[in-house]
All heavy atoms as atom14 arrays in JSON, in Angstrom:
{
  "sequence": "ALASFPHREQVEVVHRSFELDPGRSKGDIQPVITMLTRKYGMSEAQA",
  "atom14_mask": [
    [1, 1, 1, 1, 1, 0, 0, 0, 0, 0, 0, 0, 0, 0],
    [1, 1, 1, 1, 1, 1, 1, 1, 0, 0, 0, 0, 0, 0],
    [1, 1, 1, 1, 1, 0, 0, 0, 0, 0, 0, 0, 0, 0],
    [1, 1, 1, 1, 1, 1, 0, 0, 0, 0, 0, 0, 0, 0],
    [1, 1, 1, 1, 1, 1, 1, 1, 1, 1, 1, 0, 0, 0],
    [1, 1, 1, 1, 1, 1, 1, 0, 0, 0, 0, 0, 0, 0],
    [1, 1, 1, 1, 1, 1, 1, 1, 1, 1, 0, 0, 0, 0],
    [1, 1, 1, 1, 1, 1, 1, 1, 1, 1, 1, 0, 0, 0],
    [1, 1, 1, 1, 1, 1, 1, 1, 1, 0, 0, 0, 0, 0],
    [1, 1, 1, 1, 1, 1, 1, 1, 1, 0, 0, 0, 0, 0],
    [1, 1, 1, 1, 1, 1, 1, 0, 0, 0, 0, 0, 0, 0],
    [1, 1, 1, 1, 1, 1, 1, 1, 1, 0, 0, 0, 0, 0],
    [1, 1, 1, 1, 1, 1, 1, 0, 0, 0, 0, 0, 0, 0],
    [1, 1, 1, 1, 1, 1, 1, 0, 0, 0, 0, 0, 0, 0],
    [1, 1, 1, 1, 1, 1, 1, 1, 1, 1, 0, 0, 0, 0],
    [1, 1, 1, 1, 1, 1, 1, 1, 1, 1, 1, 0, 0, 0],
    [1, 1, 1, 1, 1, 1, 0, 0, 0, 0, 0, 0, 0, 0],
    [1, 1, 1, 1, 1, 1, 1, 1, 1, 1, 1, 0, 0, 0],
    [1, 1, 1, 1, 1, 1, 1, 1, 1, 0, 0, 0, 0, 0],
    [1, 1, 1, 1, 1, 1, 1, 1, 0, 0, 0, 0, 0, 0],
    [1, 1, 1, 1, 1, 1, 1, 1, 0, 0, 0, 0, 0, 0],
    [1, 1, 1, 1, 1, 1, 1, 0, 0, 0, 0, 0, 0, 0],
    [1, 1, 1, 1, 0, 0, 0, 0, 0, 0, 0, 0, 0, 0],
    [1, 1, 1, 1, 1, 1, 1, 1, 1, 1, 1, 0, 0, 0],
    [1, 1, 1, 1, 1, 1, 0, 0, 0, 0, 0, 0, 0, 0],
    [1, 1, 1, 1, 1, 1, 1, 1, 1, 0, 0, 0, 0, 0],
    [1, 1, 1, 1, 0, 0, 0, 0, 0, 0, 0, 0, 0, 0],
    [1, 1, 1, 1, 1, 1, 1, 1, 0, 0, 0, 0, 0, 0],
    [1, 1, 1, 1, 1, 1, 1, 1, 0, 0, 0, 0, 0, 0],
    [1, 1, 1, 1, 1, 1, 1, 1, 1, 0, 0, 0, 0, 0],
    [1, 1, 1, 1, 1, 1, 1, 0, 0, 0, 0, 0, 0, 0],
    [1, 1, 1, 1, 1, 1, 1, 0, 0, 0, 0, 0, 0, 0],
    [1, 1, 1, 1, 1, 1, 1, 1, 0, 0, 0, 0, 0, 0],
    [1, 1, 1, 1, 1, 1, 1, 0, 0, 0, 0, 0, 0, 0],
    [1, 1, 1, 1, 1, 1, 1, 1, 0, 0, 0, 0, 0, 0],
    [1, 1, 1, 1, 1, 1, 1, 1, 0, 0, 0, 0, 0, 0],
    [1, 1, 1, 1, 1, 1, 1, 0, 0, 0, 0, 0, 0, 0],
    [1, 1, 1, 1, 1, 1, 1, 1, 1, 1, 1, 0, 0, 0],
    [1, 1, 1, 1, 1, 1, 1, 1, 1, 0, 0, 0, 0, 0],
    [1, 1, 1, 1, 1, 1, 1, 1, 1, 1, 1, 1, 0, 0],
    [1, 1, 1, 1, 0, 0, 0, 0, 0, 0, 0, 0, 0, 0],
    [1, 1, 1, 1, 1, 1, 1, 1, 0, 0, 0, 0, 0, 0],
    [1, 1, 1, 1, 1, 1, 0, 0, 0, 0, 0, 0, 0, 0],
    [1, 1, 1, 1, 1, 1, 1, 1, 1, 0, 0, 0, 0, 0],
    [1, 1, 1, 1, 1, 0, 0, 0, 0, 0, 0, 0, 0, 0],
    [1, 1, 1, 1, 1, 1, 1, 1, 1, 0, 0, 0, 0, 0],
    [1, 1, 1, 1, 1, 0, 0, 0, 0, 0, 0, 0, 0, 0]
  ],
  "atom14_positions": [
    [[8.57, -14.29, -10.26], [9.13, -14.16, -11.65], [10.66, -13.99, -11.64], [11.31, -14.64, -12.43], [8.48, -12.96, -12.33], [0.0, 0.0, 0.0], [0.0, 0.0, 0.0], [0.0, 0.0, 0.0], [0.0, 0.0, 0.0], [0.0, 0.0, 0.0], [0.0, 0.0, 0.0], [0.0, 0.0, 0.0], [0.0, 0.0, 0.0], [0.0, 0.0, 0.0]],
    [[11.15, -13.24, -10.79], [12.59, -12.96, -10.65], [13.3, -14.21, -10.32], [14.47, -14.45, -10.85], [12.89, -11.87, -9.67], [14.37, -11.45, -9.55], [14.89, -10.87, -10.9], [14.59, -10.39, -8.39], [0.0, 0.0, 0.0], [0.0, 0.0, 0.0], [0.0, 0.0, 0.0], [0.0, 0.0, 0.0], [0.0, 0.0, 0.0], [0.0, 0.0, 0.0]],
    [[12.78, -15.07, -9.5], [13.44, -16.32, -9.03], [13.71, -17.22, -10.22], [14.72, -18.01, -10.22], [12.65, -16.99, -7.98], [0.0, 0.0, 0.0], [0.0, 0.0, 0.0], [0.0, 0.0, 0.0], [0.0, 0.0, 0.0], [0.0, 0.0, 0.0], [0.0, 0.0, 0.0], [0.0, 0.0, 0.0], [0.0, 0.0, 0.0], [0.0, 0.0, 0.0]],
    [[12.86, -17.2, -11.2], [12.96, -18.05, -12.37], [13.64, -17.41, -13.55], [13.76, -18.03, -14.6], [11.6, -18.69, -12.74], [10.7, -17.68, -13.16], [0.0, 0.0, 0.0], [0.0, 0.0, 0.0], [0.0, 0.0, 0.0], [0.0, 0.0, 0.0], [0.0, 0.0, 0.0], [0.0, 0.0, 0.0], [0.0, 0.0, 0.0], [0.0, 0.0, 0.0]],
    [[14.02, -16.13, -13.4], [14.6, -15.41, -14.45], [16.05, -15.79, -14.65], [16.85, -15.76, -13.7], [14.53, -13.86, -14.15], [15.0, -12.95, -15.31], [14.42, -13.09, -16.6], [15.96, -12.07, -15.09], [14.87, -12.27, -17.6], [16.44, -11.25, -16.07], [15.82, -11.35, -17.3], [0.0, 0.0, 0.0], [0.0, 0.0, 0.0], [0.0, 0.0, 0.0]],
    [[16.52, -16.21, -15.79], [17.89, -16.75, -15.96], [18.92, -15.78, -15.56], [20.1, -16.17, -15.18], [17.92, -17.01, -17.49], [16.57, -17.16, -17.94], [15.7, -16.29, -17.08], [0.0, 0.0, 0.0], [0.0, 0.0, 0.0], [0.0, 0.0, 0.0], [0.0, 0.0, 0.0], [0.0, 0.0, 0.0], [0.0, 0.0, 0.0], [0.0, 0.0, 0.0]],
    [[18.66, -14.47, -15.64], [19.68, -13.44, -15.31], [19.45, -12.77, -14.0], [19.91, -11.64, -13.8], [19.75, -12.37, -16.44], [19.88, -13.0, -17.87], [20.99, -13.56, -18.34], [18.93, -13.12, -18.82], [20.78, -14.03, -19.59], [19.55, -13.8, -19.86], [0.0, 0.0, 0.0], [0.0, 0.0, 0.0], [0.0, 0.0, 0.0], [0.0, 0.0, 0.0]],
    [[18.81, -13.49, -13.09], [18.32, -12.8, -11.85], [19.54, -12.32, -11.04], [19.36, -11.28, -10.3], [17.61, -13.84, -11.01], [18.31, -15.05, -10.6], [17.41, -16.08, -9.88], [18.03, -17.3, -9.59], [18.19, -18.35, -10.36], [17.73, -18.2, -11.6], [18.81, -19.43, -10.03], [0.0, 0.0, 0.0], [0.0, 0.0, 0.0], [0.0, 0.0, 0.0]],
    [[20.68, -12.85, -11.11], [21.86, -12.48, -10.35], [22.37, -11.09, -10.86], [23.19, -10.41, -10.17], [23.0, -13.48, -10.39], [22.59, -14.81, -9.74], [22.16, -14.69, -8.32], [22.68, -13.86, -7.64], [21.37, -15.44, -7.94], [0.0, 0.0, 0.0], [0.0, 0.0, 0.0], [0.0, 0.0, 0.0], [0.0, 0.0, 0.0], [0.0, 0.0, 0.0]],
    [[21.98, -10.69, -12.09], [22.4, -9.41, -12.64], [21.26, -8.38, -12.56], [21.41, -7.36, -13.25], [22.89, -9.65, -14.11], [24.04, -10.56, -14.15], [24.36, -10.99, -15.58], [23.94, -12.1, -16.02], [25.08, -10.16, -16.33], [0.0, 0.0, 0.0], [0.0, 0.0, 0.0], [0.0, 0.0, 0.0], [0.0, 0.0, 0.0], [0.0, 0.0, 0.0]],
    [[20.26, -8.62, -11.81], [19.18, -7.7, -11.58], [19.32, -7.01, -10.24], [19.28, -7.65, -9.23], [17.8, -8.36, -11.76], [16.64, -7.29, -11.54], [17.69, -9.01, -13.16], [0.0, 0.0, 0.0], [0.0, 0.0, 0.0], [0.0, 0.0, 0.0], [0.0, 0.0, 0.0], [0.0, 0.0, 0.0], [0.0, 0.0, 0.0], [0.0, 0.0, 0.0]],
    [[19.43, -5.69, -10.24], [19.39, -4.91, -9.04], [18.07, -4.37, -8.78], [17.4, -3.83, -9.63], [20.41, -3.76, -9.16], [20.34, -2.83, -7.91], [21.05, -1.5, -8.06], [21.43, -1.16, -9.23], [21.26, -0.77, -7.09], [0.0, 0.0, 0.0], [0.0, 0.0, 0.0], [0.0, 0.0, 0.0], [0.0, 0.0, 0.0], [0.0, 0.0, 0.0]],
    [[17.53, -4.63, -7.57], [16.15, -4.23, -7.19], [16.26, -3.08, -6.14], [16.93, -3.29, -5.11], [15.34, -5.4, -6.63], [13.91, -4.87, -6.21], [15.17, -6.52, -7.62], [0.0, 0.0, 0.0], [0.0, 0.0, 0.0], [0.0, 0.0, 0.0], [0.0, 0.0, 0.0], [0.0, 0.0, 0.0], [0.0, 0.0, 0.0], [0.0, 0.0, 0.0]],
    [[15.68, -1.99, -6.48], [15.64, -0.84, -5.56], [14.22, -0.44, -5.22], [13.41, -0.35, -6.18], [16.31, 0.41, -6.19], [16.28, 1.53, -5.32], [17.74, -0.02, -6.58], [0.0, 0.0, 0.0], [0.0, 0.0, 0.0], [0.0, 0.0, 0.0], [0.0, 0.0, 0.0], [0.0, 0.0, 0.0], [0.0, 0.0, 0.0], [0.0, 0.0, 0.0]],
    [[13.99, -0.26, -3.96], [12.56, 0.04, -3.48], [12.49, 1.58, -3.28], [13.31, 2.14, -2.57], [12.2, -0.73, -2.26], [12.1, -2.17, -2.47], [11.0, -2.74, -3.0], [12.99, -3.19, -2.25], [11.18, -4.05, -3.15], [12.39, -4.34, -2.7], [0.0, 0.0, 0.0], [0.0, 0.0, 0.0], [0.0, 0.0, 0.0], [0.0, 0.0, 0.0]],
    [[11.49, 2.12, -3.86], [11.28, 3.64, -3.76], [10.01, 3.93, -2.97], [9.19, 3.15, -2.8], [11.06, 4.18, -5.21], [12.22, 3.9, -6.14], [13.47, 4.71, -5.83], [14.49, 4.63, -6.86], [15.65, 5.17, -6.75], [16.08, 5.72, -5.56], [16.51, 5.09, -7.77], [0.0, 0.0, 0.0], [0.0, 0.0, 0.0], [0.0, 0.0, 0.0]],
    [[10.04, 5.18, -2.5], [8.9, 5.57, -1.56], [7.76, 6.21, -2.28], [7.88, 6.91, -3.26], [9.43, 6.61, -0.59], [10.49, 6.09, 0.25], [0.0, 0.0, 0.0], [0.0, 0.0, 0.0], [0.0, 0.0, 0.0], [0.0, 0.0, 0.0], [0.0, 0.0, 0.0], [0.0, 0.0, 0.0], [0.0, 0.0, 0.0], [0.0, 0.0, 0.0]],
    [[6.56, 5.77, -1.78], [5.28, 6.39, -2.28], [4.31, 6.33, -1.13], [4.09, 5.21, -0.58], [4.78, 5.55, -3.5], [3.66, 6.19, -4.27], [3.81, 6.8, -5.42], [2.36, 6.1, -3.66], [2.68, 7.32, -6.12], [1.3, 6.73, -4.42], [1.48, 7.28, -5.58], [0.0, 0.0, 0.0], [0.0, 0.0, 0.0], [0.0, 0.0, 0.0]],
    [[3.74, 7.46, -0.77], [2.73, 7.44, 0.35], [1.36, 7.54, -0.25], [1.05, 8.43, -1.07], [2.96, 8.65, 1.24], [4.24, 8.68, 2.04], [4.42, 9.98, 2.7], [4.95, 10.95, 2.08], [3.98, 10.09, 3.87], [0.0, 0.0, 0.0], [0.0, 0.0, 0.0], [0.0, 0.0, 0.0], [0.0, 0.0, 0.0], [0.0, 0.0, 0.0]],
    [[0.5, 6.6, 0.15], [-0.92, 6.6, -0.34], [-1.71, 7.66, 0.4], [-2.67, 8.18, -0.15], [-1.54, 5.21, -0.08], [-1.03, 4.13, -1.01], [-1.62, 2.8, -0.49], [-1.39, 4.34, -2.44], [0.0, 0.0, 0.0], [0.0, 0.0, 0.0], [0.0, 0.0, 0.0], [0.0, 0.0, 0.0], [0.0, 0.0, 0.0], [0.0, 0.0, 0.0]],
    [[-1.27, 8.09, 1.53], [-2.03, 8.98, 2.43], [-1.05, 10.03, 3.01], [-0.9, 10.11, 4.2], [-2.78, 8.24, 3.49], [-3.99, 8.93, 4.02], [-4.17, 10.11, 3.59], [-4.73, 8.35, 4.77], [0.0, 0.0, 0.0], [0.0, 0.0, 0.0], [0.0, 0.0, 0.0], [0.0, 0.0, 0.0], [0.0, 0.0, 0.0], [0.0, 0.0, 0.0]],
    [[-0.4, 10.84, 2.13], [0.64, 11.71, 2.68], [0.2, 12.81, 3.6], [0.95, 13.38, 4.31], [1.28, 12.29, 1.4], [0.21, 12.16, 0.4], [-0.49, 10.88, 0.76], [0.0, 0.0, 0.0], [0.0, 0.0, 0.0], [0.0, 0.0, 0.0], [0.0, 0.0, 0.0], [0.0, 0.0, 0.0], [0.0, 0.0, 0.0], [0.0, 0.0, 0.0]],
    [[-1.1, 13.15, 3.46], [-1.65, 14.22, 4.28], [-1.99, 13.83, 5.67], [-2.31, 14.64, 6.53], [0.0, 0.0, 0.0], [0.0, 0.0, 0.0], [0.0, 0.0, 0.0], [0.0, 0.0, 0.0], [0.0, 0.0, 0.0], [0.0, 0.0, 0.0], [0.0, 0.0, 0.0], [0.0, 0.0, 0.0], [0.0, 0.0, 0.0], [0.0, 0.0, 0.0]],
    [[-1.93, 12.54, 5.98], [-2.4, 12.0, 7.33], [-1.28, 12.34, 8.33], [-0.12, 12.08, 8.12], [-2.68, 10.52, 7.23], [-3.12, 9.94, 8.58], [-3.39, 8.42, 8.37], [-4.51, 8.21, 7.49], [-5.79, 8.13, 7.91], [-6.09, 8.29, 9.16], [-6.75, 7.86, 7.09], [0.0, 0.0, 0.0], [0.0, 0.0, 0.0], [0.0, 0.0, 0.0]],
    [[-1.71, 12.85, 9.46], [-0.76, 13.19, 10.55], [-0.32, 11.85, 11.18], [-0.97, 10.86, 11.12], [-1.39, 14.1, 11.58], [-2.41, 13.46, 12.24], [0.0, 0.0, 0.0], [0.0, 0.0, 0.0], [0.0, 0.0, 0.0], [0.0, 0.0, 0.0], [0.0, 0.0, 0.0], [0.0, 0.0, 0.0], [0.0, 0.0, 0.0], [0.0, 0.0, 0.0]],
    [[0.84, 11.94, 11.81], [1.42, 10.72, 12.42], [0.51, 10.12, 13.52], [0.43, 8.87, 13.59], [2.78, 11.06, 13.04], [3.51, 9.85, 13.68], [4.9, 10.12, 14.12], [5.56, 8.88, 14.68], [6.96, 9.15, 15.03], [0.0, 0.0, 0.0], [0.0, 0.0, 0.0], [0.0, 0.0, 0.0], [0.0, 0.0, 0.0], [0.0, 0.0, 0.0]],
    [[-0.14, 10.9, 14.22], [-1.02, 10.34, 15.33], [-2.51, 10.0, 14.8], [-3.28, 9.44, 15.64], [0.0, 0.0, 0.0], [0.0, 0.0, 0.0], [0.0, 0.0, 0.0], [0.0, 0.0, 0.0], [0.0, 0.0, 0.0], [0.0, 0.0, 0.0], [0.0, 0.0, 0.0], [0.0, 0.0, 0.0], [0.0, 0.0, 0.0], [0.0, 0.0, 0.0]],
    [[-2.74, 10.11, 13.55], [-4.1, 9.84, 13.05], [-4.09, 8.41, 12.61], [-3.77, 7.97, 11.49], [-4.44, 10.77, 11.88], [-5.81, 10.59, 11.39], [-6.58, 9.78, 11.97], [-6.23, 11.21, 10.35], [0.0, 0.0, 0.0], [0.0, 0.0, 0.0], [0.0, 0.0, 0.0], [0.0, 0.0, 0.0], [0.0, 0.0, 0.0], [0.0, 0.0, 0.0]],
    [[-4.52, 7.56, 13.51], [-4.6, 6.12, 13.27], [-6.01, 5.62, 13.37], [-6.77, 5.99, 14.32], [-3.74, 5.32, 14.23], [-2.24, 5.86, 14.23], [-3.71, 3.84, 13.94], [-1.37, 5.46, 15.32], [0.0, 0.0, 0.0], [0.0, 0.0, 0.0], [0.0, 0.0, 0.0], [0.0, 0.0, 0.0], [0.0, 0.0, 0.0], [0.0, 0.0, 0.0]],
    [[-6.52, 4.8, 12.43], [-7.83, 4.33, 12.51], [-7.93, 2.94, 11.95], [-7.05, 2.48, 11.22], [-8.83, 5.27, 11.8], [-8.51, 5.47, 10.33], [-9.41, 6.51, 9.68], [-9.17, 6.87, 8.54], [-10.4, 6.92, 10.32], [0.0, 0.0, 0.0], [0.0, 0.0, 0.0], [0.0, 0.0, 0.0], [0.0, 0.0, 0.0], [0.0, 0.0, 0.0]],
    [[-9.02, 2.18, 12.24], [-9.14, 0.87, 11.64], [-9.23, 0.92, 10.11], [-9.74, 1.87, 9.48], [-10.48, 0.39, 12.22], [-10.62, 1.15, 13.48], [-10.07, 2.54, 13.2], [0.0, 0.0, 0.0], [0.0, 0.0, 0.0], [0.0, 0.0, 0.0], [0.0, 0.0, 0.0], [0.0, 0.0, 0.0], [0.0, 0.0, 0.0], [0.0, 0.0, 0.0]],
    [[-8.65, -0.08, 9.49], [-8.69, -0.14, 8.05], [-10.08, -0.02, 7.46], [-10.38, 0.75, 6.53], [-7.99, -1.41, 7.49], [-8.27, -1.6, 6.01], [-6.46, -1.29, 7.69], [0.0, 0.0, 0.0], [0.0, 0.0, 0.0], [0.0, 0.0, 0.0], [0.0, 0.0, 0.0], [0.0, 0.0, 0.0], [0.0, 0.0, 0.0], [0.0, 0.0, 0.0]],
    [[-11.03, -0.72, 8.04], [-12.38, -0.71, 7.56], [-12.98, 0.69, 7.63], [-13.68, 1.13, 6.78], [-13.28, -1.7, 8.32], [-12.77, -3.14, 8.18], [-14.78, -1.64, 7.94], [-12.78, -3.59, 6.73], [0.0, 0.0, 0.0], [0.0, 0.0, 0.0], [0.0, 0.0, 0.0], [0.0, 0.0, 0.0], [0.0, 0.0, 0.0], [0.0, 0.0, 0.0]],
    [[-12.72, 1.4, 8.76], [-13.18, 2.73, 8.91], [-12.6, 3.64, 7.86], [-13.3, 4.55, 7.22], [-12.82, 3.27, 10.3], [-13.45, 2.49, 11.28], [-13.33, 4.76, 10.44], [0.0, 0.0, 0.0], [0.0, 0.0, 0.0], [0.0, 0.0, 0.0], [0.0, 0.0, 0.0], [0.0, 0.0, 0.0], [0.0, 0.0, 0.0], [0.0, 0.0, 0.0]],
    [[-11.3, 3.54, 7.59], [-10.56, 4.3, 6.57], [-11.21, 4.07, 5.2], [-11.55, 5.03, 4.45], [-9.09, 3.95, 6.59], [-8.28, 4.77, 5.56], [-8.26, 4.0, 3.87], [-7.39, 2.44, 4.18], [0.0, 0.0, 0.0], [0.0, 0.0, 0.0], [0.0, 0.0, 0.0], [0.0, 0.0, 0.0], [0.0, 0.0, 0.0], [0.0, 0.0, 0.0]],
    [[-11.49, 2.79, 4.88], [-12.08, 2.48, 3.56], [-13.44, 3.03, 3.37], [-13.76, 3.57, 2.36], [-12.11, 1.01, 3.41], [-10.74, 0.28, 3.27], [-10.9, -1.23, 3.22], [-10.01, 0.71, 1.96], [0.0, 0.0, 0.0], [0.0, 0.0, 0.0], [0.0, 0.0, 0.0], [0.0, 0.0, 0.0], [0.0, 0.0, 0.0], [0.0, 0.0, 0.0]],
    [[-14.31, 2.98, 4.35], [-15.68, 3.55, 4.25], [-15.66, 5.06, 4.06], [-16.45, 5.58, 3.33], [-16.54, 3.12, 5.49], [-15.87, 3.6, 6.65], [-16.69, 1.6, 5.61], [0.0, 0.0, 0.0], [0.0, 0.0, 0.0], [0.0, 0.0, 0.0], [0.0, 0.0, 0.0], [0.0, 0.0, 0.0], [0.0, 0.0, 0.0], [0.0, 0.0, 0.0]],
    [[-14.76, 5.68, 4.77], [-14.72, 7.15, 4.76], [-14.01, 7.66, 3.46], [-14.54, 8.57, 2.82], [-13.96, 7.72, 5.92], [-14.75, 7.48, 7.23], [-14.01, 8.07, 8.45], [-14.73, 7.85, 9.69], [-14.29, 8.16, 10.91], [-13.03, 8.72, 11.0], [-15.0, 7.96, 11.99], [0.0, 0.0, 0.0], [0.0, 0.0, 0.0], [0.0, 0.0, 0.0]],
    [[-12.95, 6.97, 3.02], [-12.19, 7.52, 1.88], [-12.91, 7.17, 0.54], [-12.89, 7.89, -0.39], [-10.85, 6.85, 1.9], [-9.87, 7.36, 0.86], [-8.48, 6.85, 1.01], [-7.54, 7.48, 0.03], [-6.13, 7.07, 0.19], [0.0, 0.0, 0.0], [0.0, 0.0, 0.0], [0.0, 0.0, 0.0], [0.0, 0.0, 0.0], [0.0, 0.0, 0.0]],
    [[-13.53, 5.95, 0.5], [-14.11, 5.52, -0.79], [-15.66, 5.46, -0.75], [-16.3, 5.1, -1.75], [-13.57, 4.07, -1.15], [-12.13, 4.11, -1.29], [-11.26, 3.53, -0.33], [-11.43, 4.68, -2.32], [-9.9, 3.49, -0.45], [-10.13, 4.66, -2.49], [-9.29, 4.08, -1.43], [-7.92, 4.06, -1.58], [0.0, 0.0, 0.0], [0.0, 0.0, 0.0]],
    [[-16.31, 5.8, 0.41], [-17.7, 5.88, 0.41], [-18.42, 4.54, 0.3], [-19.63, 4.48, -0.03], [0.0, 0.0, 0.0], [0.0, 0.0, 0.0], [0.0, 0.0, 0.0], [0.0, 0.0, 0.0], [0.0, 0.0, 0.0], [0.0, 0.0, 0.0], [0.0, 0.0, 0.0], [0.0, 0.0, 0.0], [0.0, 0.0, 0.0], [0.0, 0.0, 0.0]],
    [[-17.72, 3.46, 0.68], [-18.3, 2.13, 0.63], [-18.95, 1.81, 1.96], [-18.6, 2.41, 2.96], [-17.28, 1.09, 0.18], [-16.06, 1.01, 1.07], [-14.89, -0.26, 0.57], [-14.38, 0.35, -1.09], [0.0, 0.0, 0.0], [0.0, 0.0, 0.0], [0.0, 0.0, 0.0], [0.0, 0.0, 0.0], [0.0, 0.0, 0.0], [0.0, 0.0, 0.0]],
    [[-19.77, 0.78, 1.89], [-20.33, 0.28, 3.25], [-19.33, -0.53, 3.9], [-18.27, -1.0, 3.36], [-21.64, -0.56, 2.92], [-21.26, -1.74, 2.24], [0.0, 0.0, 0.0], [0.0, 0.0, 0.0], [0.0, 0.0, 0.0], [0.0, 0.0, 0.0], [0.0, 0.0, 0.0], [0.0, 0.0, 0.0], [0.0, 0.0, 0.0], [0.0, 0.0, 0.0]],
    [[-19.57, -0.78, 5.18], [-18.6, -1.63, 6.0], [-18.61, -3.09, 5.45], [-17.56, -3.7, 5.36], [-19.11, -1.72, 7.44], [-18.78, -0.46, 8.25], [-18.9, -0.63, 9.71], [-19.07, -1.78, 10.16], [-18.9, 0.44, 10.46], [0.0, 0.0, 0.0], [0.0, 0.0, 0.0], [0.0, 0.0, 0.0], [0.0, 0.0, 0.0], [0.0, 0.0, 0.0]],
    [[-19.73, -3.53, 4.93], [-19.83, -4.87, 4.36], [-18.94, -4.94, 3.09], [-18.28, -5.96, 2.8], [-21.2, -5.22, 4.02], [0.0, 0.0, 0.0], [0.0, 0.0, 0.0], [0.0, 0.0, 0.0], [0.0, 0.0, 0.0], [0.0, 0.0, 0.0], [0.0, 0.0, 0.0], [0.0, 0.0, 0.0], [0.0, 0.0, 0.0], [0.0, 0.0, 0.0]],
    [[-19.04, -3.87, 2.22], [-18.2, -3.87, 1.03], [-16.74, -3.79, 1.36], [-15.9, -4.48, 0.74], [-18.58, -2.71, 0.19], [-19.93, -2.75, -0.46], [-20.36, -1.41, -1.11], [-20.12, -0.39, -0.57], [-21.01, -1.6, -2.3], [0.0, 0.0, 0.0], [0.0, 0.0, 0.0], [0.0, 0.0, 0.0], [0.0, 0.0, 0.0], [0.0, 0.0, 0.0]],
    [[-16.36, -2.99, 2.43], [-15.03, -2.87, 2.79], [-14.5, -4.13, 3.37], [-13.3, -4.58, 3.01], [-14.79, -1.75, 3.85], [0.0, 0.0, 0.0], [0.0, 0.0, 0.0], [0.0, 0.0, 0.0], [0.0, 0.0, 0.0], [0.0, 0.0, 0.0], [0.0, 0.0, 0.0], [0.0, 0.0, 0.0], [0.0, 0.0, 0.0], [0.0, 0.0, 0.0]]
  ]
}
């Protein structure tokens, strides 16, 4: 959308921080499918 906006050169874009899982420790790494099944209670097939 920005690429086709007539005033795109006058638009400043700033990226801000947001953590979806701020309580997770740095060393706690797991497969995405495992995370989804545990966090949302879905089956592996659904994930």
